Amino acid sequence: MKRDELEKRIGELRADRERLTGELDKARAEERDALIEGKKPGDTSAAITTRLGIVDEALAELQERLGAANASADRRQRTVRAEKALEATAERAKLARAVDDALTALSKAWPAYQEAVRRDLGATSAANGDVTPIERGLVANRQNEVLVRTLVSAGGMGLARALGVETAIRERHAIALADAEERVAESLRTELLRVRADSPQPNVAREAQQELQQMERSA
């Protein structure tokens, strides 16, 4: 029997028991009165008592079955909840692995990038490259402004705060590291145009000057 069927049958038997209890009280009263009057009492109460005992046994059996059905339903619900939570955990695990991989890559790439900046910064500056976007990447013993700007650019202030970074840098001041390097490269391309603009070859100089003017207008 299903749970709703068990509950319905238990309700029916309880109502039956209540009715039998009322009949038992009435039968006992009648048998008592018969004894008082010197008459032979009937045996109705005995039959009702027997019937009540059977009803109680049936109720106990149904209650046990209902308890088992409830326990089974509870296990099913727990199973469903656990399976859904496991699916959600698997999805979070993918994101967690992505975070782990990104942080691992960062821990490897950042020192290599700093070393490259340390090695090349002087030559880039000497070539009239604008190193302002990246030159503060070598500051030690404090928050590295270049890295902080990159973090804010990558994930907003939420990521920076999650890493415990308290900084005055805001999202509008952030810049991706690749974009910072692109600014440096752009300054070097501008320098090459200036060199070409000073060329003794008129066509080369004129073409470079036109490109410089176009860059200035689009800036």
N, C-alpha and C. Protein backbone atom coordinates (compact mmCIF):
# COMPACT_ATOMS: atom_id res chain seq x y z
N MET A 1 0.83 -1.20 0.00
CA MET A 1 0.00 0.00 0.00
C MET A 1 0.87 1.26 0.00
N LYS A 2 0.40 2.27 -0.70
CA LYS A 2 1.10 3.54 -0.72
C LYS A 2 0.84 4.31 0.58
N ARG A 3 1.66 5.33 0.79
CA ARG A 3 1.53 6.09 2.04
C ARG A 3 0.15 6.69 2.22
N ASP A 4 -0.39 7.28 1.15
CA ASP A 4 -1.72 7.89 1.30
C ASP A 4 -2.79 6.83 1.59
N GLU A 5 -2.62 5.64 1.00
CA GLU A 5 -3.56 4.55 1.27
C GLU A 5 -3.43 4.06 2.71
N LEU A 6 -2.19 3.97 3.20
CA LEU A 6 -1.97 3.57 4.59
C LEU A 6 -2.59 4.57 5.55
N GLU A 7 -2.36 5.85 5.27
CA GLU A 7 -2.90 6.89 6.15
C GLU A 7 -4.43 6.86 6.14
N LYS A 8 -5.03 6.63 4.97
CA LYS A 8 -6.48 6.55 4.88
C LYS A 8 -7.02 5.37 5.68
N ARG A 9 -6.36 4.20 5.52
CA ARG A 9 -6.83 3.01 6.23
C ARG A 9 -6.66 3.15 7.74
N ILE A 10 -5.56 3.77 8.16
CA ILE A 10 -5.36 4.01 9.60
C ILE A 10 -6.46 4.90 10.14
N GLY A 11 -6.82 5.93 9.38
CA GLY A 11 -7.91 6.81 9.80
C GLY A 11 -9.22 6.06 9.93
N GLU A 12 -9.47 5.16 8.98
CA GLU A 12 -10.70 4.37 9.02
C GLU A 12 -10.74 3.45 10.23
N LEU A 13 -9.60 2.80 10.52
CA LEU A 13 -9.55 1.89 11.67
C LEU A 13 -9.66 2.65 12.99
N ARG A 14 -9.09 3.84 13.05
CA ARG A 14 -9.22 4.64 14.27
C ARG A 14 -10.68 5.02 14.51
N ALA A 15 -11.35 5.37 13.43
CA ALA A 15 -12.78 5.69 13.56
C ALA A 15 -13.56 4.44 13.99
N ASP A 16 -13.19 3.28 13.41
CA ASP A 16 -13.83 2.02 13.78
C ASP A 16 -13.57 1.70 15.25
N ARG A 17 -12.33 1.97 15.71
CA ARG A 17 -11.99 1.69 17.11
C ARG A 17 -12.80 2.59 18.05
N GLU A 18 -12.92 3.85 17.64
CA GLU A 18 -13.70 4.77 18.47
C GLU A 18 -15.16 4.32 18.58
N ARG A 19 -15.70 3.84 17.45
CA ARG A 19 -17.08 3.33 17.46
C ARG A 19 -17.20 2.09 18.36
N LEU A 20 -16.23 1.18 18.23
CA LEU A 20 -16.25 -0.05 19.04
C LEU A 20 -16.10 0.26 20.53
N THR A 21 -15.28 1.28 20.84
CA THR A 21 -15.11 1.66 22.24
C THR A 21 -16.43 2.14 22.82
N GLY A 22 -17.17 2.90 22.02
CA GLY A 22 -18.50 3.35 22.47
C GLY A 22 -19.44 2.18 22.66
N GLU A 23 -19.42 1.22 21.72
CA GLU A 23 -20.28 0.04 21.82
C GLU A 23 -19.88 -0.82 23.02
N LEU A 24 -18.57 -0.90 23.31
CA LEU A 24 -18.10 -1.68 24.45
C LEU A 24 -18.62 -1.08 25.75
N ASP A 25 -18.53 0.24 25.89
CA ASP A 25 -19.05 0.89 27.11
C ASP A 25 -20.54 0.62 27.27
N LYS A 26 -21.28 0.68 26.16
CA LYS A 26 -22.72 0.44 26.21
C LYS A 26 -23.01 -1.02 26.58
N ALA A 27 -22.24 -1.96 25.96
CA ALA A 27 -22.46 -3.40 26.24
C ALA A 27 -22.14 -3.72 27.69
N ARG A 28 -21.08 -3.16 28.21
CA ARG A 28 -20.73 -3.41 29.60
C ARG A 28 -21.81 -2.87 30.55
N ALA A 29 -22.33 -1.72 30.22
CA ALA A 29 -23.39 -1.14 31.06
C ALA A 29 -24.62 -2.03 31.04
N GLU A 30 -24.94 -2.55 29.86
CA GLU A 30 -26.11 -3.43 29.75
C GLU A 30 -25.90 -4.74 30.51
N GLU A 31 -24.68 -5.29 30.42
CA GLU A 31 -24.39 -6.54 31.13
C GLU A 31 -24.38 -6.32 32.64
N ARG A 32 -23.92 -5.18 33.07
CA ARG A 32 -23.95 -4.86 34.51
C ARG A 32 -25.38 -4.76 35.00
N ASP A 33 -26.20 -4.05 34.21
CA ASP A 33 -27.61 -3.90 34.59
C ASP A 33 -28.32 -5.25 34.63
N ALA A 34 -27.95 -6.15 33.71
CA ALA A 34 -28.56 -7.48 33.70
C ALA A 34 -28.22 -8.24 34.97
N LEU A 35 -26.97 -8.13 35.40
CA LEU A 35 -26.55 -8.79 36.65
C LEU A 35 -27.29 -8.22 37.83
N ILE A 36 -27.46 -6.89 37.83
CA ILE A 36 -28.18 -6.24 38.93
C ILE A 36 -29.61 -6.76 39.01
N GLU A 37 -30.21 -6.95 37.84
CA GLU A 37 -31.59 -7.40 37.80
C GLU A 37 -31.71 -8.92 37.94
N GLY A 38 -30.59 -9.60 38.09
CA GLY A 38 -30.61 -11.04 38.26
C GLY A 38 -30.78 -11.80 36.97
N LYS A 39 -30.53 -11.14 35.87
CA LYS A 39 -30.64 -11.79 34.57
C LYS A 39 -29.26 -12.27 34.11
N LYS A 40 -29.29 -13.16 33.14
CA LYS A 40 -28.04 -13.63 32.57
C LYS A 40 -27.48 -12.58 31.62
N PRO A 41 -26.27 -12.12 31.89
CA PRO A 41 -25.72 -11.09 31.01
C PRO A 41 -25.30 -11.69 29.66
N GLY A 42 -25.33 -10.86 28.64
CA GLY A 42 -24.87 -11.32 27.34
C GLY A 42 -23.34 -11.33 27.27
N ASP A 43 -22.83 -11.76 26.15
CA ASP A 43 -21.37 -11.80 25.96
C ASP A 43 -20.91 -10.82 24.87
N THR A 44 -21.72 -9.79 24.66
CA THR A 44 -21.40 -8.80 23.61
C THR A 44 -20.07 -8.10 23.89
N SER A 45 -19.81 -7.73 25.17
CA SER A 45 -18.59 -7.00 25.49
C SER A 45 -17.34 -7.82 25.17
N ALA A 46 -17.44 -9.11 25.37
CA ALA A 46 -16.29 -9.98 25.08
C ALA A 46 -15.98 -9.97 23.59
N ALA A 47 -17.05 -10.04 22.79
CA ALA A 47 -16.86 -10.03 21.34
C ALA A 47 -16.27 -8.70 20.87
N ILE A 48 -16.80 -7.63 21.47
CA ILE A 48 -16.28 -6.29 21.10
C ILE A 48 -14.82 -6.15 21.52
N THR A 49 -14.50 -6.66 22.73
CA THR A 49 -13.11 -6.59 23.21
C THR A 49 -12.18 -7.35 22.28
N THR A 50 -12.63 -8.51 21.85
CA THR A 50 -11.83 -9.29 20.89
C THR A 50 -11.64 -8.49 19.59
N ARG A 51 -12.74 -7.91 19.14
CA ARG A 51 -12.67 -7.10 17.91
C ARG A 51 -11.72 -5.92 18.09
N LEU A 52 -11.78 -5.29 19.25
CA LEU A 52 -10.87 -4.16 19.52
C LEU A 52 -9.41 -4.61 19.50
N GLY A 53 -9.14 -5.77 20.05
CA GLY A 53 -7.78 -6.29 20.04
C GLY A 53 -7.27 -6.50 18.63
N ILE A 54 -8.15 -7.04 17.77
CA ILE A 54 -7.76 -7.26 16.37
C ILE A 54 -7.52 -5.92 15.67
N VAL A 55 -8.41 -4.95 15.95
CA VAL A 55 -8.24 -3.61 15.36
C VAL A 55 -6.92 -2.99 15.80
N ASP A 56 -6.59 -3.14 17.09
CA ASP A 56 -5.33 -2.58 17.60
C ASP A 56 -4.13 -3.24 16.93
N GLU A 57 -4.21 -4.55 16.72
CA GLU A 57 -3.12 -5.25 16.03
C GLU A 57 -2.98 -4.75 14.59
N ALA A 58 -4.11 -4.56 13.94
CA ALA A 58 -4.08 -4.05 12.58
C ALA A 58 -3.51 -2.63 12.53
N LEU A 59 -3.94 -1.81 13.50
CA LEU A 59 -3.41 -0.43 13.56
C LEU A 59 -1.91 -0.43 13.78
N ALA A 60 -1.42 -1.30 14.67
CA ALA A 60 0.01 -1.37 14.94
C ALA A 60 0.77 -1.77 13.69
N GLU A 61 0.22 -2.75 12.94
CA GLU A 61 0.87 -3.20 11.70
C GLU A 61 0.90 -2.08 10.66
N LEU A 62 -0.24 -1.40 10.53
CA LEU A 62 -0.30 -0.30 9.56
C LEU A 62 0.62 0.84 9.95
N GLN A 63 0.71 1.12 11.27
CA GLN A 63 1.60 2.18 11.75
C GLN A 63 3.05 1.81 11.43
N GLU A 64 3.37 0.56 11.59
CA GLU A 64 4.73 0.11 11.29
C GLU A 64 5.03 0.26 9.80
N ARG A 65 4.05 -0.13 8.98
CA ARG A 65 4.23 0.02 7.54
C ARG A 65 4.36 1.49 7.14
N LEU A 66 3.52 2.34 7.79
CA LEU A 66 3.58 3.78 7.49
C LEU A 66 4.92 4.35 7.90
N GLY A 67 5.42 3.91 9.06
CA GLY A 67 6.74 4.37 9.50
C GLY A 67 7.82 3.99 8.51
N ALA A 68 7.73 2.74 8.00
CA ALA A 68 8.72 2.28 7.02
C ALA A 68 8.58 3.08 5.72
N ALA A 69 7.33 3.37 5.32
CA ALA A 69 7.12 4.14 4.09
C ALA A 69 7.64 5.57 4.25
N ASN A 70 7.41 6.16 5.44
CA ASN A 70 7.92 7.51 5.70
C ASN A 70 9.44 7.54 5.70
N ALA A 71 10.03 6.50 6.30
CA ALA A 71 11.49 6.41 6.32
C ALA A 71 12.04 6.27 4.91
N SER A 72 11.35 5.46 4.09
CA SER A 72 11.78 5.28 2.71
C SER A 72 11.66 6.58 1.92
N ALA A 73 10.55 7.31 2.14
CA ALA A 73 10.35 8.60 1.46
C ALA A 73 11.41 9.60 1.90
N ASP A 74 11.74 9.58 3.20
CA ASP A 74 12.78 10.48 3.71
C ASP A 74 14.12 10.17 3.08
N ARG A 75 14.41 8.85 2.93
CA ARG A 75 15.68 8.48 2.30
C ARG A 75 15.72 8.93 0.85
N ARG A 76 14.58 8.82 0.17
CA ARG A 76 14.52 9.28 -1.22
C ARG A 76 14.77 10.77 -1.31
N GLN A 77 14.14 11.53 -0.40
CA GLN A 77 14.33 12.98 -0.41
C GLN A 77 15.79 13.34 -0.12
N ARG A 78 16.36 12.66 0.85
CA ARG A 78 17.77 12.91 1.18
C ARG A 78 18.66 12.55 0.00
N THR A 79 18.33 11.48 -0.69
CA THR A 79 19.10 11.06 -1.85
C THR A 79 19.03 12.11 -2.96
N VAL A 80 17.80 12.60 -3.21
CA VAL A 80 17.62 13.62 -4.25
C VAL A 80 18.38 14.89 -3.89
N ARG A 81 18.27 15.31 -2.61
CA ARG A 81 18.98 16.52 -2.18
C ARG A 81 20.49 16.35 -2.33
N ALA A 82 20.98 15.17 -1.93
CA ALA A 82 22.43 14.92 -2.01
C ALA A 82 22.89 14.89 -3.46
N GLU A 83 22.09 14.26 -4.33
CA GLU A 83 22.47 14.17 -5.75
C GLU A 83 22.48 15.55 -6.39
N LYS A 84 21.47 16.38 -6.08
CA LYS A 84 21.44 17.73 -6.62
C LYS A 84 22.62 18.56 -6.10
N ALA A 85 22.89 18.41 -4.80
CA ALA A 85 24.02 19.14 -4.22
C ALA A 85 25.33 18.68 -4.84
N LEU A 86 25.42 17.36 -5.15
CA LEU A 86 26.63 16.83 -5.76
C LEU A 86 26.82 17.40 -7.16
N GLU A 87 25.71 17.53 -7.91
CA GLU A 87 25.79 18.13 -9.24
C GLU A 87 26.26 19.58 -9.14
N ALA A 88 25.69 20.32 -8.18
CA ALA A 88 26.10 21.71 -8.00
C ALA A 88 27.56 21.79 -7.60
N THR A 89 27.98 20.86 -6.74
CA THR A 89 29.39 20.84 -6.31
C THR A 89 30.31 20.57 -7.48
N ALA A 90 29.88 19.67 -8.39
CA ALA A 90 30.69 19.37 -9.56
C ALA A 90 30.87 20.61 -10.44
N GLU A 91 29.78 21.40 -10.57
CA GLU A 91 29.87 22.63 -11.36
C GLU A 91 30.81 23.63 -10.68
N ARG A 92 30.68 23.73 -9.34
CA ARG A 92 31.59 24.64 -8.63
C ARG A 92 33.03 24.16 -8.73
N ALA A 93 33.21 22.84 -8.74
CA ALA A 93 34.56 22.29 -8.81
C ALA A 93 35.23 22.71 -10.12
N LYS A 94 34.44 22.76 -11.21
CA LYS A 94 35.00 23.22 -12.49
C LYS A 94 35.51 24.65 -12.37
N LEU A 95 34.67 25.49 -11.72
CA LEU A 95 35.08 26.88 -11.53
C LEU A 95 36.29 26.96 -10.60
N ALA A 96 36.28 26.11 -9.56
CA ALA A 96 37.40 26.11 -8.62
C ALA A 96 38.70 25.73 -9.33
N ARG A 97 38.61 24.71 -10.20
CA ARG A 97 39.81 24.32 -10.94
C ARG A 97 40.29 25.44 -11.85
N ALA A 98 39.32 26.16 -12.44
CA ALA A 98 39.70 27.29 -13.29
C ALA A 98 40.42 28.36 -12.48
N VAL A 99 39.91 28.62 -11.25
CA VAL A 99 40.56 29.59 -10.38
C VAL A 99 41.96 29.10 -9.99
N ASP A 100 42.04 27.82 -9.61
CA ASP A 100 43.33 27.25 -9.22
C ASP A 100 44.33 27.35 -10.37
N ASP A 101 43.88 26.98 -11.57
CA ASP A 101 44.77 27.02 -12.74
C ASP A 101 45.22 28.45 -13.03
N ALA A 102 44.25 29.39 -12.91
CA ALA A 102 44.58 30.78 -13.19
C ALA A 102 45.59 31.32 -12.18
N LEU A 103 45.39 30.98 -10.91
CA LEU A 103 46.31 31.46 -9.88
C LEU A 103 47.68 30.81 -10.02
N THR A 104 47.68 29.53 -10.39
CA THR A 104 48.96 28.85 -10.62
C THR A 104 49.69 29.48 -11.79
N ALA A 105 48.95 29.75 -12.86
CA ALA A 105 49.57 30.39 -14.03
C ALA A 105 50.08 31.79 -13.66
N LEU A 106 49.29 32.50 -12.83
CA LEU A 106 49.71 33.83 -12.40
C LEU A 106 51.00 33.77 -11.58
N SER A 107 51.06 32.80 -10.66
CA SER A 107 52.23 32.68 -9.80
C SER A 107 53.49 32.37 -10.61
N LYS A 108 53.32 31.72 -11.77
CA LYS A 108 54.47 31.41 -12.62
C LYS A 108 54.77 32.55 -13.59
N ALA A 109 53.71 33.14 -14.14
CA ALA A 109 53.92 34.15 -15.17
C ALA A 109 54.36 35.49 -14.61
N TRP A 110 53.87 35.84 -13.41
CA TRP A 110 54.18 37.16 -12.87
C TRP A 110 55.68 37.35 -12.61
N PRO A 111 56.35 36.43 -11.92
CA PRO A 111 57.80 36.62 -11.73
C PRO A 111 58.55 36.68 -13.07
N ALA A 112 58.11 35.87 -14.03
CA ALA A 112 58.76 35.89 -15.34
C ALA A 112 58.55 37.24 -16.01
N TYR A 113 57.34 37.78 -15.86
CA TYR A 113 57.06 39.08 -16.45
C TYR A 113 57.88 40.17 -15.77
N GLN A 114 57.95 40.12 -14.43
CA GLN A 114 58.76 41.12 -13.71
C GLN A 114 60.21 41.07 -14.16
N GLU A 115 60.73 39.86 -14.33
CA GLU A 115 62.12 39.73 -14.77
C GLU A 115 62.30 40.32 -16.16
N ALA A 116 61.32 40.08 -17.04
CA ALA A 116 61.40 40.64 -18.38
C ALA A 116 61.36 42.17 -18.34
N VAL A 117 60.49 42.71 -17.48
CA VAL A 117 60.43 44.18 -17.34
C VAL A 117 61.74 44.71 -16.80
N ARG A 118 62.28 44.04 -15.78
CA ARG A 118 63.54 44.46 -15.18
C ARG A 118 64.67 44.46 -16.22
N ARG A 119 64.63 43.46 -17.09
CA ARG A 119 65.68 43.31 -18.09
C ARG A 119 65.54 44.33 -19.23
N ASP A 120 64.29 44.61 -19.64
CA ASP A 120 64.07 45.36 -20.88
C ASP A 120 63.68 46.81 -20.68
N LEU A 121 63.31 47.19 -19.45
CA LEU A 121 62.74 48.51 -19.24
C LEU A 121 63.68 49.63 -19.67
N GLY A 122 64.94 49.48 -19.30
CA GLY A 122 65.90 50.53 -19.65
C GLY A 122 66.03 50.71 -21.14
N ALA A 123 66.13 49.60 -21.87
CA ALA A 123 66.28 49.68 -23.32
C ALA A 123 65.03 50.26 -23.96
N THR A 124 63.87 49.88 -23.45
CA THR A 124 62.62 50.41 -24.00
C THR A 124 62.54 51.90 -23.77
N SER A 125 62.92 52.35 -22.58
CA SER A 125 62.90 53.78 -22.28
C SER A 125 63.91 54.53 -23.14
N ALA A 126 65.08 53.92 -23.32
CA ALA A 126 66.11 54.57 -24.13
C ALA A 126 65.67 54.70 -25.58
N ALA A 127 64.77 53.82 -26.01
CA ALA A 127 64.26 53.89 -27.38
C ALA A 127 63.09 54.85 -27.49
N ASN A 128 62.90 55.69 -26.44
CA ASN A 128 61.80 56.66 -26.38
C ASN A 128 60.44 55.99 -26.28
N GLY A 129 60.43 54.79 -25.71
CA GLY A 129 59.15 54.15 -25.44
C GLY A 129 58.57 54.69 -24.15
N ASP A 130 57.27 54.90 -24.12
CA ASP A 130 56.59 55.39 -22.91
C ASP A 130 56.37 54.20 -21.98
N VAL A 131 57.20 54.07 -20.94
CA VAL A 131 57.12 52.92 -20.04
C VAL A 131 56.25 53.20 -18.81
N THR A 132 55.58 54.37 -18.80
CA THR A 132 54.75 54.72 -17.65
C THR A 132 53.73 53.65 -17.28
N PRO A 133 53.06 53.02 -18.26
CA PRO A 133 52.04 52.02 -17.89
C PRO A 133 52.58 50.80 -17.15
N ILE A 134 53.91 50.53 -17.30
CA ILE A 134 54.43 49.29 -16.71
C ILE A 134 55.58 49.50 -15.74
N GLU A 135 56.12 50.72 -15.64
CA GLU A 135 57.34 50.91 -14.87
C GLU A 135 57.17 50.65 -13.38
N ARG A 136 55.95 50.75 -12.85
CA ARG A 136 55.75 50.52 -11.43
C ARG A 136 55.51 49.05 -11.12
N GLY A 137 55.76 48.20 -12.10
CA GLY A 137 55.65 46.77 -11.87
C GLY A 137 56.81 46.19 -11.10
N LEU A 138 57.84 46.98 -10.87
CA LEU A 138 59.03 46.49 -10.19
C LEU A 138 59.13 46.97 -8.74
N VAL A 139 58.13 47.71 -8.27
CA VAL A 139 58.18 48.22 -6.91
C VAL A 139 58.11 47.07 -5.92
N ALA A 140 58.99 47.05 -4.95
CA ALA A 140 59.03 45.97 -3.96
C ALA A 140 58.49 46.46 -2.62
N ASN A 141 58.14 45.50 -1.77
CA ASN A 141 57.73 45.76 -0.38
C ASN A 141 56.49 46.65 -0.27
N ARG A 142 55.60 46.58 -1.24
CA ARG A 142 54.34 47.30 -1.18
C ARG A 142 53.42 46.70 -2.22
N GLN A 143 52.17 47.14 -2.20
CA GLN A 143 51.26 46.69 -3.24
C GLN A 143 51.83 47.09 -4.60
N ASN A 144 51.90 46.12 -5.49
CA ASN A 144 52.42 46.40 -6.82
C ASN A 144 51.31 47.02 -7.66
N GLU A 145 51.49 48.28 -7.99
CA GLU A 145 50.41 49.01 -8.64
C GLU A 145 50.01 48.41 -9.97
N VAL A 146 50.97 47.97 -10.75
CA VAL A 146 50.67 47.38 -12.05
C VAL A 146 49.82 46.12 -11.89
N LEU A 147 50.22 45.27 -10.95
CA LEU A 147 49.48 44.03 -10.73
C LEU A 147 48.09 44.32 -10.17
N VAL A 148 47.99 45.29 -9.27
CA VAL A 148 46.68 45.64 -8.70
C VAL A 148 45.76 46.18 -9.79
N ARG A 149 46.29 47.04 -10.63
CA ARG A 149 45.47 47.57 -11.73
C ARG A 149 44.99 46.43 -12.63
N THR A 150 45.87 45.46 -12.84
CA THR A 150 45.51 44.31 -13.67
C THR A 150 44.43 43.47 -13.01
N LEU A 151 44.56 43.25 -11.70
CA LEU A 151 43.55 42.48 -10.96
C LEU A 151 42.19 43.16 -11.02
N VAL A 152 42.19 44.47 -10.81
CA VAL A 152 40.94 45.21 -10.85
C VAL A 152 40.35 45.17 -12.25
N SER A 153 41.22 45.27 -13.25
CA SER A 153 40.75 45.19 -14.63
C SER A 153 40.14 43.84 -14.94
N ALA A 154 40.76 42.78 -14.40
CA ALA A 154 40.30 41.42 -14.69
C ALA A 154 39.01 41.08 -13.97
N GLY A 155 38.88 41.50 -12.72
CA GLY A 155 37.73 41.05 -11.94
C GLY A 155 37.02 42.12 -11.15
N GLY A 156 37.33 43.38 -11.40
CA GLY A 156 36.68 44.43 -10.64
C GLY A 156 37.21 44.49 -9.21
N MET A 157 36.63 45.36 -8.42
CA MET A 157 37.09 45.53 -7.05
C MET A 157 36.80 44.28 -6.21
N GLY A 158 35.79 43.49 -6.61
CA GLY A 158 35.46 42.30 -5.85
C GLY A 158 36.62 41.33 -5.76
N LEU A 159 37.31 41.10 -6.88
CA LEU A 159 38.45 40.18 -6.89
C LEU A 159 39.59 40.74 -6.04
N ALA A 160 39.87 42.03 -6.19
CA ALA A 160 40.94 42.63 -5.41
C ALA A 160 40.66 42.52 -3.91
N ARG A 161 39.43 42.79 -3.51
CA ARG A 161 39.08 42.70 -2.09
C ARG A 161 39.14 41.26 -1.61
N ALA A 162 38.73 40.31 -2.47
CA ALA A 162 38.79 38.90 -2.09
C ALA A 162 40.22 38.45 -1.80
N LEU A 163 41.18 39.11 -2.45
CA LEU A 163 42.60 38.80 -2.23
C LEU A 163 43.19 39.65 -1.11
N GLY A 164 42.34 40.43 -0.44
CA GLY A 164 42.82 41.24 0.68
C GLY A 164 43.55 42.50 0.26
N VAL A 165 43.33 42.93 -0.98
CA VAL A 165 44.01 44.12 -1.48
C VAL A 165 43.16 45.35 -1.19
N GLU A 166 43.67 46.23 -0.34
CA GLU A 166 43.02 47.50 -0.08
C GLU A 166 43.76 48.57 -0.88
N THR A 167 43.10 49.13 -1.85
CA THR A 167 43.79 50.03 -2.76
C THR A 167 42.89 51.19 -3.13
N ALA A 168 43.53 52.30 -3.46
CA ALA A 168 42.78 53.47 -3.92
C ALA A 168 42.41 53.35 -5.39
N ILE A 169 42.98 52.36 -6.07
CA ILE A 169 42.69 52.18 -7.49
C ILE A 169 41.24 51.76 -7.68
N ARG A 170 40.57 52.38 -8.60
CA ARG A 170 39.19 52.05 -8.90
C ARG A 170 39.11 51.47 -10.30
N GLU A 171 37.96 50.90 -10.62
CA GLU A 171 37.82 50.21 -11.90
C GLU A 171 38.11 51.13 -13.09
N ARG A 172 37.77 52.42 -12.95
CA ARG A 172 38.02 53.33 -14.07
C ARG A 172 39.52 53.60 -14.27
N HIS A 173 40.31 53.27 -13.24
CA HIS A 173 41.76 53.46 -13.35
C HIS A 173 42.48 52.16 -13.68
N ALA A 174 41.73 51.08 -13.80
CA ALA A 174 42.35 49.78 -14.03
C ALA A 174 42.74 49.63 -15.49
N ILE A 175 43.69 48.73 -15.71
CA ILE A 175 44.12 48.45 -17.08
C ILE A 175 44.72 47.05 -17.11
N ALA A 176 44.35 46.30 -18.12
CA ALA A 176 44.91 44.97 -18.28
C ALA A 176 46.39 45.08 -18.61
N LEU A 177 47.16 44.11 -18.18
CA LEU A 177 48.61 44.15 -18.41
C LEU A 177 48.93 44.18 -19.90
N ALA A 178 48.19 43.38 -20.68
CA ALA A 178 48.42 43.36 -22.12
C ALA A 178 48.10 44.73 -22.73
N ASP A 179 47.06 45.40 -22.20
CA ASP A 179 46.73 46.73 -22.70
C ASP A 179 47.82 47.74 -22.33
N ALA A 180 48.39 47.56 -21.13
CA ALA A 180 49.49 48.44 -20.72
C ALA A 180 50.68 48.27 -21.66
N GLU A 181 50.99 47.00 -21.98
CA GLU A 181 52.09 46.75 -22.91
C GLU A 181 51.77 47.28 -24.31
N GLU A 182 50.49 47.23 -24.68
CA GLU A 182 50.10 47.76 -25.99
C GLU A 182 50.33 49.26 -26.05
N ARG A 183 50.11 49.94 -24.90
CA ARG A 183 50.39 51.38 -24.87
C ARG A 183 51.88 51.65 -25.06
N VAL A 184 52.70 50.81 -24.43
CA VAL A 184 54.15 50.95 -24.62
C VAL A 184 54.51 50.72 -26.09
N ALA A 185 53.94 49.65 -26.67
CA ALA A 185 54.22 49.33 -28.07
C ALA A 185 53.76 50.46 -28.98
N GLU A 186 52.61 51.06 -28.66
CA GLU A 186 52.09 52.15 -29.46
C GLU A 186 53.05 53.34 -29.43
N SER A 187 53.63 53.59 -28.26
CA SER A 187 54.59 54.71 -28.17
C SER A 187 55.83 54.42 -29.01
N LEU A 188 56.22 53.15 -29.06
CA LEU A 188 57.39 52.79 -29.89
C LEU A 188 57.06 52.87 -31.37
N ARG A 189 55.84 52.49 -31.74
CA ARG A 189 55.45 52.64 -33.15
C ARG A 189 55.41 54.11 -33.54
N THR A 190 54.98 54.94 -32.58
CA THR A 190 54.99 56.39 -32.83
C THR A 190 56.42 56.89 -33.01
N GLU A 191 57.33 56.37 -32.17
CA GLU A 191 58.73 56.75 -32.30
C GLU A 191 59.29 56.35 -33.66
N LEU A 192 58.93 55.18 -34.16
CA LEU A 192 59.38 54.75 -35.49
C LEU A 192 58.85 55.67 -36.58
N LEU A 193 57.61 56.12 -36.41
CA LEU A 193 57.05 57.07 -37.38
C LEU A 193 57.81 58.39 -37.34
N ARG A 194 58.18 58.82 -36.13
CA ARG A 194 58.96 60.07 -36.02
C ARG A 194 60.31 59.93 -36.73
N VAL A 195 60.91 58.75 -36.57
CA VAL A 195 62.19 58.51 -37.24
C VAL A 195 62.00 58.56 -38.74
N ARG A 196 60.94 57.91 -39.22
CA ARG A 196 60.68 57.91 -40.66
C ARG A 196 60.33 59.31 -41.15
N ALA A 197 59.65 60.10 -40.27
CA ALA A 197 59.28 61.46 -40.67
C ALA A 197 60.52 62.34 -40.87
N ASP A 198 61.63 61.97 -40.25
CA ASP A 198 62.88 62.71 -40.42
C ASP A 198 63.73 62.16 -41.55
N SER A 199 63.18 61.22 -42.32
CA SER A 199 63.94 60.59 -43.39
C SER A 199 64.25 61.60 -44.50
N PRO A 200 65.44 61.47 -45.09
CA PRO A 200 65.79 62.34 -46.22
C PRO A 200 65.00 61.99 -47.48
N GLN A 201 64.33 60.86 -47.45
CA GLN A 201 63.52 60.46 -48.61
C GLN A 201 62.15 61.11 -48.48
N PRO A 202 61.80 62.03 -49.35
CA PRO A 202 60.54 62.80 -49.23
C PRO A 202 59.30 61.92 -49.11
N ASN A 203 59.21 60.90 -49.94
CA ASN A 203 58.01 60.06 -49.90
C ASN A 203 57.84 59.35 -48.56
N VAL A 204 58.96 58.84 -48.04
CA VAL A 204 58.93 58.14 -46.75
C VAL A 204 58.55 59.11 -45.64
N ALA A 205 59.16 60.31 -45.66
CA ALA A 205 58.90 61.31 -44.63
C ALA A 205 57.44 61.77 -44.68
N ARG A 206 56.95 62.03 -45.91
CA ARG A 206 55.58 62.52 -46.06
C ARG A 206 54.56 61.48 -45.57
N GLU A 207 54.78 60.24 -45.92
CA GLU A 207 53.86 59.17 -45.50
C GLU A 207 53.85 59.02 -43.97
N ALA A 208 55.04 59.13 -43.36
CA ALA A 208 55.12 59.01 -41.91
C ALA A 208 54.44 60.19 -41.23
N GLN A 209 54.62 61.38 -41.78
CA GLN A 209 53.98 62.56 -41.19
C GLN A 209 52.46 62.46 -41.26
N GLN A 210 51.97 61.94 -42.38
CA GLN A 210 50.52 61.76 -42.51
C GLN A 210 49.98 60.78 -41.46
N GLU A 211 50.71 59.72 -41.25
CA GLU A 211 50.29 58.72 -40.25
C GLU A 211 50.32 59.33 -38.86
N LEU A 212 51.34 60.17 -38.57
CA LEU A 212 51.41 60.82 -37.26
C LEU A 212 50.23 61.76 -37.07
N GLN A 213 49.88 62.50 -38.09
CA GLN A 213 48.76 63.42 -37.99
C GLN A 213 47.44 62.66 -37.77
N GLN A 214 47.31 61.54 -38.48
CA GLN A 214 46.12 60.73 -38.33
C GLN A 214 46.02 60.18 -36.90
N MET A 215 47.14 59.74 -36.32
CA MET A 215 47.16 59.25 -34.95
C MET A 215 46.76 60.35 -33.98
N GLU A 216 47.24 61.55 -34.20
CA GLU A 216 46.92 62.66 -33.32
C GLU A 216 45.44 62.99 -33.36
N ARG A 217 44.84 62.91 -34.56
CA ARG A 217 43.42 63.21 -34.68
C ARG A 217 42.54 62.15 -34.02
N SER A 218 42.99 60.89 -34.07
CA SER A 218 42.21 59.81 -33.50
C SER A 218 42.46 59.63 -32.01
N ALA A 219 43.48 60.30 -31.48
CA ALA A 219 43.81 60.15 -30.06
C ALA A 219 42.74 60.79 -29.20
